[in-house]
Protein backbone atom coordinates (compact mmCIF):
# COMPACT_ATOMS: atom_id res chain seq x y z
CA LEU A 1 -12.67 -2.02 1.52
CA ASP A 2 -11.81 0.20 -1.44
CA TRP A 3 -13.59 2.31 -4.05
CA GLU A 4 -12.92 1.89 -7.75
CA ARG A 5 -11.35 4.87 -9.50
CA ASN A 6 -14.65 6.56 -10.48
CA GLY A 7 -16.25 6.10 -7.07
CA GLN A 8 -19.12 4.00 -8.41
CA VAL A 9 -18.24 0.54 -7.08
CA LEU A 10 -17.18 -0.40 -3.54
CA ALA A 11 -15.40 -3.72 -2.99
CA ILE A 12 -15.44 -5.25 0.49
CA ILE A 13 -13.62 -8.22 1.99
CA ASP A 14 -13.27 -9.74 5.44
CA ASP A 15 -10.48 -11.83 6.90
CA GLN A 16 -12.64 -14.89 7.59
CA THR A 17 -13.83 -15.79 4.08
CA HIS A 18 -12.60 -16.06 0.50
CA TYR A 19 -15.24 -13.84 -1.10
CA VAL A 20 -15.41 -10.27 -2.37
CA TYR A 21 -18.67 -8.39 -1.83
CA VAL A 22 -19.47 -5.55 -4.22
CA TRP A 23 -21.77 -2.55 -3.73
CA GLU A 24 -22.72 -0.51 -6.79
CA ALA A 25 -23.73 3.12 -6.29
CA HIS A 26 -26.06 3.34 -9.28
CA SER A 27 -28.27 0.47 -8.08
CA LEU A 28 -27.68 0.80 -4.33
CA LYS A 29 -27.39 -2.98 -4.24
CA MET A 30 -24.85 -5.34 -2.75
CA THR A 31 -23.76 -8.25 -4.93
CA ASN A 32 -22.55 -11.19 -2.86
CA LYS A 33 -19.70 -13.42 -3.93
CA ILE A 34 -19.59 -11.97 -7.45
CA VAL A 35 -15.89 -12.71 -7.74
CA GLY A 36 -15.57 -15.33 -5.03
CA THR A 37 -12.31 -17.25 -5.02
CA SER A 38 -13.90 -20.47 -3.92
CA SER A 39 -12.55 -22.86 -6.54
CA ASN A 40 -10.81 -25.95 -5.31
CA GLU A 41 -7.44 -24.77 -6.58
CA TYR A 42 -7.71 -21.35 -4.93
CA ARG A 43 -9.45 -21.19 -1.57
CA GLU A 44 -7.73 -18.74 0.75
CA ASN A 45 -8.93 -16.12 3.20
CA LEU A 46 -8.49 -12.58 1.91
CA SER A 47 -6.45 -9.95 3.74
CA THR A 48 -6.36 -6.72 1.67
CA ILE A 49 -7.79 -5.23 -1.52
CA ALA A 50 -7.10 -2.24 -3.80
CA TRP A 51 -8.58 -1.01 -7.07
CA SER A 52 -6.36 -0.02 -9.99
CA LYS A 53 -5.98 3.70 -10.68
CA VAL A 54 -5.91 3.16 -14.46
CA ASP A 55 -8.55 0.52 -15.31
CA GLU A 56 -11.35 -1.66 -13.92
CA ARG A 57 -9.33 -4.30 -12.13
CA PHE A 58 -8.49 -4.82 -8.48
CA ALA A 59 -5.81 -6.75 -6.62
CA ILE A 60 -6.46 -8.91 -3.57
CA GLY A 61 -3.87 -10.14 -1.09
CA THR A 62 -4.45 -13.39 0.78
CA SER A 63 -3.61 -14.84 4.17
CA LYS A 64 -1.08 -17.20 2.57
CA GLY A 65 0.90 -14.51 0.75
CA ASN A 66 -0.61 -14.97 -2.70
CA MET A 67 -2.38 -12.41 -4.84
CA LEU A 68 -5.43 -12.43 -7.07
CA ILE A 69 -6.00 -9.85 -9.81
CA CYS A 70 -9.64 -9.53 -10.88
CA ASP A 71 -11.02 -7.71 -13.90
CA TRP A 72 -14.39 -6.20 -12.95
CA THR A 73 -15.47 -5.80 -16.59
CA THR A 74 -14.77 -9.34 -17.77
CA LYS A 75 -15.04 -11.02 -14.33
CA LYS A 76 -11.81 -12.88 -15.11
CA LYS A 77 -9.43 -13.79 -12.28
CA TYR A 78 -5.65 -14.18 -12.45
CA PRO A 79 -4.00 -15.93 -9.47
CA VAL A 80 -0.44 -14.80 -8.72
CA LEU A 81 1.31 -17.27 -6.42
CA GLY A 82 4.35 -16.80 -4.22
CA VAL A 83 4.44 -13.00 -4.00
CA HIS A 84 4.97 -13.36 -0.24
CA THR A 85 5.47 -16.31 2.08
CA ARG A 86 3.03 -15.05 4.71
CA ARG A 87 -0.11 -12.86 4.90
CA ILE A 88 -0.16 -9.83 2.62
CA LEU A 89 -0.78 -6.77 4.80
CA GLY A 90 -1.24 -4.12 2.14
CA VAL A 91 -1.48 -3.60 -1.61
CA VAL A 92 -1.43 -0.35 -3.58
CA TRP A 93 -1.43 0.60 -7.28
CA SER A 94 0.57 3.33 -9.00
CA PHE A 95 -0.81 5.61 -11.71
CA THR A 96 1.38 3.70 -14.17
CA GLY A 97 -0.16 0.33 -13.27
CA LEU A 98 2.55 -1.00 -10.95
CA LEU A 99 1.67 -2.93 -7.79
CA ALA A 100 3.35 -2.65 -4.39
CA THR A 101 2.63 -5.19 -1.65
CA ILE A 102 3.84 -5.61 1.92
CA GLY A 103 3.62 -8.79 3.97
CA GLU A 104 4.06 -10.43 7.34
CA ASP A 105 7.22 -11.95 5.87
CA LYS A 106 8.75 -8.44 6.24
CA VAL A 107 9.10 -8.00 2.49
CA LEU A 108 8.17 -5.13 0.19
CA SER A 109 7.42 -6.30 -3.36
CA LEU A 110 7.06 -4.42 -6.64
CA SER A 111 5.07 -6.13 -9.40
CA SER A 112 3.78 -5.38 -12.89
CA ILE A 113 0.15 -4.66 -13.76
CA ASP A 114 -0.31 -8.41 -14.38
CA GLY A 115 1.27 -9.36 -11.05
CA ASP A 116 4.67 -10.42 -12.40
CA LEU A 117 7.31 -9.80 -9.74
CA ILE A 118 9.81 -7.07 -10.67
CA LYS A 119 11.87 -6.78 -7.48
CA GLN A 120 11.70 -7.18 -3.71
CA VAL A 121 13.44 -5.77 -0.65
CA LYS A 122 13.72 -7.30 2.82
CA LEU A 123 12.64 -5.07 5.70
CA ASP A 124 13.78 -4.84 9.33
CA GLY A 125 10.30 -5.25 10.78
CA LEU A 126 6.58 -5.48 10.05
CA PRO A 127 5.45 -2.91 7.45
CA LYS A 128 2.22 -0.90 7.26
CA ASP A 129 0.70 2.12 5.48
CA VAL A 130 2.31 1.57 2.07
CA SER A 131 1.91 4.11 -0.75
CA PHE A 132 3.32 5.13 -4.11
CA VAL A 133 4.58 8.68 -4.45
CA ARG A 134 5.76 11.04 -7.16
CA THR A 135 8.80 12.68 -5.61
CA SER A 136 11.64 14.93 -6.72
CA LEU A 137 13.99 12.82 -4.59
CA SER A 138 14.33 10.36 -7.47
CA LYS A 139 16.32 11.08 -10.62
CA PHE A 140 13.79 9.14 -12.68
CA GLY A 141 10.25 9.85 -13.81
CA HIS A 142 9.33 13.11 -12.07
CA ASN A 143 6.01 12.99 -13.93
CA GLU A 144 5.07 9.56 -12.57
CA ASP A 145 5.10 7.59 -9.33
CA ASN A 146 8.78 6.89 -8.77
CA ALA A 147 9.06 5.83 -5.13
CA ILE A 148 7.30 3.75 -2.49
CA SER A 149 7.02 4.72 1.16
CA CYS A 150 5.82 2.79 4.19
CA ILE A 151 6.14 2.54 7.94
CA VAL A 152 8.30 -0.25 9.34
CA ASN A 153 8.17 -1.62 12.87
CA GLN A 154 6.20 1.48 13.95
CA THR A 155 9.49 3.37 14.34
CA GLN A 156 10.86 3.84 10.81
CA LEU A 157 9.72 5.73 7.75
CA LEU A 158 11.05 3.92 4.69
CA ILE A 159 11.44 5.41 1.19
CA TRP A 160 12.36 3.19 -1.76
CA LYS A 161 13.29 4.91 -5.02
CA PHE A 162 12.76 1.67 -6.88
CA HIS A 163 14.17 2.85 -10.21
CA GLU A 164 17.60 3.45 -8.72
CA ASP A 165 17.98 2.11 -5.17
CA THR A 166 18.61 -1.52 -4.31
CA VAL A 167 18.32 -0.64 -0.60
CA PRO A 168 15.59 1.72 0.64
CA ILE A 169 16.37 4.78 2.75
CA SER A 170 14.96 4.64 6.29
CA TYR A 171 14.44 7.35 8.89
CA ASN A 172 14.15 6.38 12.55
CA PHE A 173 12.07 8.15 15.17
CA ASP A 174 12.41 7.98 18.94
CA ASP A 175 9.48 6.98 21.10
CA SER A 176 8.92 10.33 22.82
CA CYS A 177 5.77 10.88 20.73
CA GLY A 178 4.75 7.23 20.69
CA SER A 179 4.82 4.88 17.74
CA LEU A 180 4.56 5.97 14.12
CA VAL A 181 1.04 5.16 12.89
CA ALA A 182 0.46 6.97 9.57
CA HIS A 183 2.09 9.18 6.96
CA ALA A 184 1.07 11.24 3.94
CA TRP A 185 3.09 13.15 1.36
CA GLN A 186 2.28 16.86 1.42
CA ASP A 187 4.12 17.47 -1.85
CA MET A 188 7.10 16.01 -3.72
CA GLU A 189 9.55 16.64 -0.86
CA ASN A 190 7.69 16.85 2.48
CA ILE A 191 5.83 14.26 4.56
CA ILE A 192 3.28 14.63 7.33
CA VAL A 193 3.56 11.86 9.94
CA GLY A 194 1.23 10.96 12.78
CA PHE A 195 2.13 9.40 16.12
CA SER A 196 0.18 7.25 18.58
CA GLU A 197 0.34 9.88 21.34
CA GLY A 198 -1.82 12.25 19.26
CA SER A 199 0.78 14.42 17.58
CA ILE A 200 1.70 15.15 13.97
CA ALA A 201 4.82 16.61 12.38
CA LEU A 202 5.98 17.90 9.03
CA ILE A 203 9.24 16.33 7.87
CA SER A 204 11.55 17.49 5.10
CA MET A 205 12.89 14.80 2.76
CA SER A 206 15.34 16.94 0.78
CA GLY A 207 18.57 18.83 1.28
CA PRO A 208 20.71 18.84 4.44
CA ASP A 209 17.66 18.67 6.71
CA ALA A 210 16.33 15.42 5.21
CA GLY A 211 14.58 13.38 7.87
CA LYS A 212 14.41 16.20 10.41
CA VAL A 213 11.17 17.28 12.09
CA PHE A 214 10.05 20.87 11.63
CA THR A 215 9.24 21.54 15.29
CA ASP A 216 7.36 24.75 14.48
CA SER A 217 4.85 22.62 12.57
CA PHE A 218 4.42 20.23 15.48
CA VAL A 219 0.86 19.95 16.80
CA ILE A 220 -0.37 18.26 19.97
CA PHE A 221 -3.99 17.10 20.06
CA ASN A 222 -5.96 16.65 23.23
CA LYS A 223 -6.77 13.04 23.99
């Protein structure tokens, strides 16, 4: 599920059907199948959804690796075929209208606001927790989202400065704290990561200590 940018409309999907269910805050009502993808030419189970950060459209990933972009205002739908060859695991929008998707085919894709593929990179394992970030690590566009980060194979943190890098940078973690489950950028240069054993750490992404854990910021939670 995901909220639209103003927090007034909640879109919900499940992995067993090909419908989007929409709840509107102003009416407190659920609208069923308002943008269902049940036409004969496009009938696929849905796997992930995300609203745009700049307008009233949302992107849906499907179990077969395709994408559907829906305009909430006009109710128009734009199928985008062949983004991935297997299930799309995650989709996220940038503040400049770009789309990033990750799939079971171990591919990270960057697409335009209309879903046109810009570039792709092959990953070493299954990705999760994808996000756009505005970081000072890139030489381009410090005032806009200029990199994509995600977790790969539950052991790597991957950063792709897509304006300049053909190959993303990856940072590997040992399994002493368990698998890597989530990450969030604290600012333009530091990342907070969470591990399956209940710990978190602050990691620098700049200078000579890039990729190193600040142990004095390490916290252990009781299970």
